[in-house]
């Protein structure tokens, strides 16, 4: 995934209230949509996102 795609996905995730609680289904749907669009496994999208996010801190 490109940096721009990561930023776009990050903006969507940041709008979710309580992403690890009641908002988890929304976050999961975001990852699933990106995975389908990119034709990769959801776990790959999550891994790439976490690696990108971790490298920014």
PDB file of N, CA and C in Angstrom:
ATOM      1  N   UNK A   1       0.832  -1.178   0.000  1.00  0.00           N
ATOM      2  CA  UNK A   1       0.000   0.000   0.000  1.00  0.00           C
ATOM      3  C   UNK A   1       0.878   1.244   0.000  1.00  0.00           C
ATOM      4  N   UNK A   2       0.397   2.274  -0.648  1.00  0.00           N
ATOM      5  CA  UNK A   2       1.153   3.521  -0.681  1.00  0.00           C
ATOM      6  C   UNK A   2       0.929   4.310   0.605  1.00  0.00           C
ATOM      7  N   UNK A   3       1.769   5.287   0.818  1.00  0.00           N
ATOM      8  CA  UNK A   3       1.640   6.138   1.997  1.00  0.00           C
ATOM      9  C   UNK A   3       0.311   6.893   1.948  1.00  0.00           C
ATOM     10  N   UNK A   4      -0.080   7.333   0.771  1.00  0.00           N
ATOM     11  CA  UNK A   4      -1.355   8.049   0.639  1.00  0.00           C
ATOM     12  C   UNK A   4      -2.533   7.159   1.014  1.00  0.00           C
ATOM     13  N   UNK A   5      -2.484   5.900   0.621  1.00  0.00           N
ATOM     14  CA  UNK A   5      -3.552   4.964   0.986  1.00  0.00           C
ATOM     15  C   UNK A   5      -3.575   4.735   2.494  1.00  0.00           C
ATOM     16  N   UNK A   6      -2.392   4.657   3.090  1.00  0.00           N
ATOM     17  CA  UNK A   6      -2.308   4.497   4.547  1.00  0.00           C
ATOM     18  C   UNK A   6      -2.904   5.713   5.248  1.00  0.00           C
ATOM     19  N   UNK A   7      -2.559   6.900   4.764  1.00  0.00           N
ATOM     20  CA  UNK A   7      -3.081   8.124   5.369  1.00  0.00           C
ATOM     21  C   UNK A   7      -4.601   8.189   5.250  1.00  0.00           C
ATOM     22  N   UNK A   8      -5.124   7.805   4.098  1.00  0.00           N
ATOM     23  CA  UNK A   8      -6.572   7.816   3.880  1.00  0.00           C
ATOM     24  C   UNK A   8      -7.262   6.856   4.852  1.00  0.00           C
ATOM     25  N   UNK A   9      -6.703   5.658   4.994  1.00  0.00           N
ATOM     26  CA  UNK A   9      -7.274   4.674   5.905  1.00  0.00           C
ATOM     27  C   UNK A   9      -7.143   5.168   7.347  1.00  0.00           C
ATOM     28  N   UNK A  10      -6.017   5.767   7.684  1.00  0.00           N
ATOM     29  CA  UNK A  10      -5.796   6.277   9.030  1.00  0.00           C
ATOM     30  C   UNK A  10      -6.827   7.349   9.374  1.00  0.00           C
ATOM     31  N   UNK A  11      -7.113   8.246   8.441  1.00  0.00           N
ATOM     32  CA  UNK A  11      -8.121   9.278   8.685  1.00  0.00           C
ATOM     33  C   UNK A  11      -9.482   8.666   8.969  1.00  0.00           C
ATOM     34  N   UNK A  12      -9.829   7.617   8.229  1.00  0.00           N
ATOM     35  CA  UNK A  12     -11.110   6.939   8.466  1.00  0.00           C
ATOM     36  C   UNK A  12     -11.136   6.280   9.837  1.00  0.00           C
ATOM     37  N   UNK A  13     -10.040   5.632  10.208  1.00  0.00           N
ATOM     38  CA  UNK A  13      -9.982   4.944  11.501  1.00  0.00           C
ATOM     39  C   UNK A  13     -10.039   5.949  12.648  1.00  0.00           C
ATOM     40  N   UNK A  14      -9.378   7.092  12.492  1.00  0.00           N
ATOM     41  CA  UNK A  14      -9.357   8.094  13.557  1.00  0.00           C
ATOM     42  C   UNK A  14     -10.728   8.718  13.809  1.00  0.00           C
ATOM     43  N   UNK A  15     -11.637   8.625  12.855  1.00  0.00           N
ATOM     44  CA  UNK A  15     -12.981   9.176  13.055  1.00  0.00           C
ATOM     45  C   UNK A  15     -13.871   8.249  13.870  1.00  0.00           C
ATOM     46  N   UNK A  16     -13.452   7.001  14.056  1.00  0.00           N
ATOM     47  CA  UNK A  16     -14.257   6.017  14.790  1.00  0.00           C
ATOM     48  C   UNK A  16     -14.125   6.277  16.285  1.00  0.00           C
ATOM     49  N   UNK A  17     -15.263   6.424  16.929  1.00  0.00           N
ATOM     50  CA  UNK A  17     -15.249   6.589  18.381  1.00  0.00           C
ATOM     51  C   UNK A  17     -15.121   5.220  19.033  1.00  0.00           C
ATOM     52  N   UNK A  18     -14.270   5.123  20.035  1.00  0.00           N
ATOM     53  CA  UNK A  18     -14.038   3.884  20.781  1.00  0.00           C
ATOM     54  C   UNK A  18     -13.674   2.728  19.839  1.00  0.00           C
ATOM     55  N   UNK A  19     -12.548   2.866  19.094  1.00  0.00           N
ATOM     56  CA  UNK A  19     -12.194   1.861  18.079  1.00  0.00           C
ATOM     57  C   UNK A  19     -11.913   0.461  18.617  1.00  0.00           C
ATOM     58  N   UNK A  20     -11.593   0.341  19.903  1.00  0.00           N
ATOM     59  CA  UNK A  20     -11.326  -0.985  20.461  1.00  0.00           C
ATOM     60  C   UNK A  20     -12.452  -1.462  21.360  1.00  0.00           C
ATOM     61  N   UNK A  21     -13.560  -0.759  21.320  1.00  0.00           N
ATOM     62  CA  UNK A  21     -14.743  -1.146  22.090  1.00  0.00           C
ATOM     63  C   UNK A  21     -15.918  -1.308  21.140  1.00  0.00           C
ATOM     64  N   UNK A  22     -16.910  -0.449  21.312  1.00  0.00           N
ATOM     65  CA  UNK A  22     -18.117  -0.548  20.487  1.00  0.00           C
ATOM     66  C   UNK A  22     -17.855  -0.188  19.026  1.00  0.00           C
ATOM     67  N   UNK A  23     -16.759   0.516  18.734  1.00  0.00           N
ATOM     68  CA  UNK A  23     -16.433   0.882  17.360  1.00  0.00           C
ATOM     69  C   UNK A  23     -15.619  -0.159  16.613  1.00  0.00           C
ATOM     70  N   UNK A  24     -15.274  -1.256  17.279  1.00  0.00           N
ATOM     71  CA  UNK A  24     -14.442  -2.282  16.650  1.00  0.00           C
ATOM     72  C   UNK A  24     -15.044  -2.843  15.356  1.00  0.00           C
ATOM     73  N   UNK A  25     -16.355  -3.101  15.282  1.00  0.00           N
ATOM     74  CA  UNK A  25     -16.911  -3.583  14.013  1.00  0.00           C
ATOM     75  C   UNK A  25     -16.701  -2.601  12.857  1.00  0.00           C
ATOM     76  N   UNK A  26     -16.710  -1.313  13.154  1.00  0.00           N
ATOM     77  CA  UNK A  26     -16.482  -0.302  12.115  1.00  0.00           C
ATOM     78  C   UNK A  26     -15.033  -0.365  11.640  1.00  0.00           C
ATOM     79  N   UNK A  27     -14.103  -0.465  12.578  1.00  0.00           N
ATOM     80  CA  UNK A  27     -12.681  -0.559  12.229  1.00  0.00           C
ATOM     81  C   UNK A  27     -12.432  -1.828  11.422  1.00  0.00           C
ATOM     82  N   UNK A  28     -13.046  -2.901  11.849  1.00  0.00           N
ATOM     83  CA  UNK A  28     -12.893  -4.172  11.130  1.00  0.00           C
ATOM     84  C   UNK A  28     -13.400  -4.048   9.694  1.00  0.00           C
ATOM     85  N   UNK A  29     -14.531  -3.376   9.521  1.00  0.00           N
ATOM     86  CA  UNK A  29     -15.097  -3.186   8.186  1.00  0.00           C
ATOM     87  C   UNK A  29     -14.158  -2.353   7.308  1.00  0.00           C
ATOM     88  N   UNK A  30     -13.522  -1.341   7.885  1.00  0.00           N
ATOM     89  CA  UNK A  30     -12.569  -0.515   7.135  1.00  0.00           C
ATOM     90  C   UNK A  30     -11.424  -1.384   6.625  1.00  0.00           C
ATOM     91  N   UNK A  31     -10.856  -2.206   7.511  1.00  0.00           N
ATOM     92  CA  UNK A  31      -9.764  -3.095   7.097  1.00  0.00           C
ATOM     93  C   UNK A  31     -10.231  -4.085   6.032  1.00  0.00           C
ATOM     94  N   UNK A  32     -11.430  -4.627   6.186  1.00  0.00           N
ATOM     95  CA  UNK A  32     -11.956  -5.585   5.209  1.00  0.00           C
ATOM     96  C   UNK A  32     -12.164  -4.933   3.850  1.00  0.00           C
ATOM     97  N   UNK A  33     -12.686  -3.702   3.824  1.00  0.00           N
ATOM     98  CA  UNK A  33     -12.903  -2.996   2.557  1.00  0.00           C
ATOM     99  C   UNK A  33     -11.588  -2.755   1.831  1.00  0.00           C
ATOM    100  N   UNK A  34     -10.575  -2.336   2.570  1.00  0.00           N
ATOM    101  CA  UNK A  34      -9.265  -2.088   1.962  1.00  0.00           C
ATOM    102  C   UNK A  34      -8.667  -3.395   1.446  1.00  0.00           C
ATOM    103  N   UNK A  35      -8.809  -4.460   2.206  1.00  0.00           N
ATOM    104  CA  UNK A  35      -8.266  -5.760   1.796  1.00  0.00           C
ATOM    105  C   UNK A  35      -8.913  -6.242   0.504  1.00  0.00           C
ATOM    106  N   UNK A  36     -10.222  -6.083   0.398  1.00  0.00           N
ATOM    107  CA  UNK A  36     -10.918  -6.499  -0.825  1.00  0.00           C
ATOM    108  C   UNK A  36     -10.452  -5.647  -1.998  1.00  0.00           C
ATOM    109  N   UNK A  37     -10.354  -4.342  -1.777  1.00  0.00           N
ATOM    110  CA  UNK A  37      -9.918  -3.429  -2.839  1.00  0.00           C
ATOM    111  C   UNK A  37      -8.508  -3.768  -3.323  1.00  0.00           C
ATOM    112  N   UNK A  38      -7.613  -4.097  -2.379  1.00  0.00           N
ATOM    113  CA  UNK A  38      -6.223  -4.406  -2.726  1.00  0.00           C
ATOM    114  C   UNK A  38      -5.999  -5.879  -3.055  1.00  0.00           C
ATOM    115  N   UNK A  39      -7.016  -6.704  -2.868  1.00  0.00           N
ATOM    116  CA  UNK A  39      -6.947  -8.145  -3.122  1.00  0.00           C
ATOM    117  C   UNK A  39      -5.841  -8.813  -2.305  1.00  0.00           C
ATOM    118  N   UNK A  40      -5.838  -8.492  -1.016  1.00  0.00           N
ATOM    119  CA  UNK A  40      -4.903  -9.112  -0.077  1.00  0.00           C
ATOM    120  C   UNK A  40      -5.690  -9.551   1.156  1.00  0.00           C
ATOM    121  N   UNK A  41      -5.042 -10.310   2.014  1.00  0.00           N
ATOM    122  CA  UNK A  41      -5.687 -10.760   3.247  1.00  0.00           C
ATOM    123  C   UNK A  41      -5.842  -9.587   4.216  1.00  0.00           C
ATOM    124  N   UNK A  42      -6.897  -9.649   5.014  1.00  0.00           N
ATOM    125  CA  UNK A  42      -7.148  -8.606   6.011  1.00  0.00           C
ATOM    126  C   UNK A  42      -5.961  -8.496   6.966  1.00  0.00           C
ATOM    127  N   UNK A  43      -5.400  -9.622   7.333  1.00  0.00           N
ATOM    128  CA  UNK A  43      -4.259  -9.595   8.257  1.00  0.00           C
ATOM    129  C   UNK A  43      -3.068  -8.847   7.659  1.00  0.00           C
ATOM    130  N   UNK A  44      -2.900  -8.921   6.339  1.00  0.00           N
ATOM    131  CA  UNK A  44      -1.817  -8.178   5.688  1.00  0.00           C
ATOM    132  C   UNK A  44      -2.053  -6.674   5.781  1.00  0.00           C
ATOM    133  N   UNK A  45      -3.300  -6.261   5.613  1.00  0.00           N
ATOM    134  CA  UNK A  45      -3.630  -4.837   5.712  1.00  0.00           C
ATOM    135  C   UNK A  45      -3.388  -4.348   7.139  1.00  0.00           C
ATOM    136  N   UNK A  46      -3.828  -5.124   8.118  1.00  0.00           N
ATOM    137  CA  UNK A  46      -3.627  -4.749   9.523  1.00  0.00           C
ATOM    138  C   UNK A  46      -2.133  -4.668   9.828  1.00  0.00           C
ATOM    139  N   UNK A  47      -1.375  -5.648   9.376  1.00  0.00           N
ATOM    140  CA  UNK A  47       0.076  -5.666   9.615  1.00  0.00           C
ATOM    141  C   UNK A  47       0.752  -4.446   8.992  1.00  0.00           C
ATOM    142  N   UNK A  48       0.417  -4.146   7.730  1.00  0.00           N
ATOM    143  CA  UNK A  48       1.016  -2.997   7.056  1.00  0.00           C
ATOM    144  C   UNK A  48       0.651  -1.693   7.757  1.00  0.00           C
ATOM    145  N   UNK A  49      -0.601  -1.583   8.167  1.00  0.00           N
ATOM    146  CA  UNK A  49      -1.050  -0.375   8.858  1.00  0.00           C
ATOM    147  C   UNK A  49      -0.314  -0.208  10.187  1.00  0.00           C
ATOM    148  N   UNK A  50      -0.220  -1.282  10.960  1.00  0.00           N
ATOM    149  CA  UNK A  50       0.451  -1.199  12.257  1.00  0.00           C
ATOM    150  C   UNK A  50       1.936  -0.889  12.090  1.00  0.00           C
ATOM    151  N   UNK A  51       2.581  -1.485  11.101  1.00  0.00           N
ATOM    152  CA  UNK A  51       3.996  -1.182  10.841  1.00  0.00           C
ATOM    153  C   UNK A  51       4.175   0.287  10.480  1.00  0.00           C
ATOM    154  N   UNK A  52       3.284   0.798   9.632  1.00  0.00           N
ATOM    155  CA  UNK A  52       3.346   2.197   9.216  1.00  0.00           C
ATOM    156  C   UNK A  52       3.101   3.116  10.410  1.00  0.00           C
ATOM    157  N   UNK A  53       2.077   2.813  11.190  1.00  0.00           N
ATOM    158  CA  UNK A  53       1.723   3.642  12.341  1.00  0.00           C
ATOM    159  C   UNK A  53       2.846   3.609  13.383  1.00  0.00           C
ATOM    160  N   UNK A  54       3.404   2.431  13.625  1.00  0.00           N
ATOM    161  CA  UNK A  54       4.475   2.270  14.615  1.00  0.00           C
ATOM    162  C   UNK A  54       5.708   3.071  14.199  1.00  0.00           C
ATOM    163  N   UNK A  55       6.021   3.074  12.911  1.00  0.00           N
ATOM    164  CA  UNK A  55       7.218   3.770  12.429  1.00  0.00           C
ATOM    165  C   UNK A  55       7.088   5.289  12.555  1.00  0.00           C
ATOM    166  N   UNK A  56       5.859   5.776  12.665  1.00  0.00           N
ATOM    167  CA  UNK A  56       5.636   7.215  12.789  1.00  0.00           C
ATOM    168  C   UNK A  56       5.832   7.711  14.213  1.00  0.00           C
ATOM    169  N   UNK A  57       5.834   6.810  15.184  1.00  0.00           N
ATOM    170  CA  UNK A  57       5.931   7.259  16.585  1.00  0.00           C
ATOM    171  C   UNK A  57       7.352   7.300  17.082  1.00  0.00           C
TER     172      UNK A  57
END
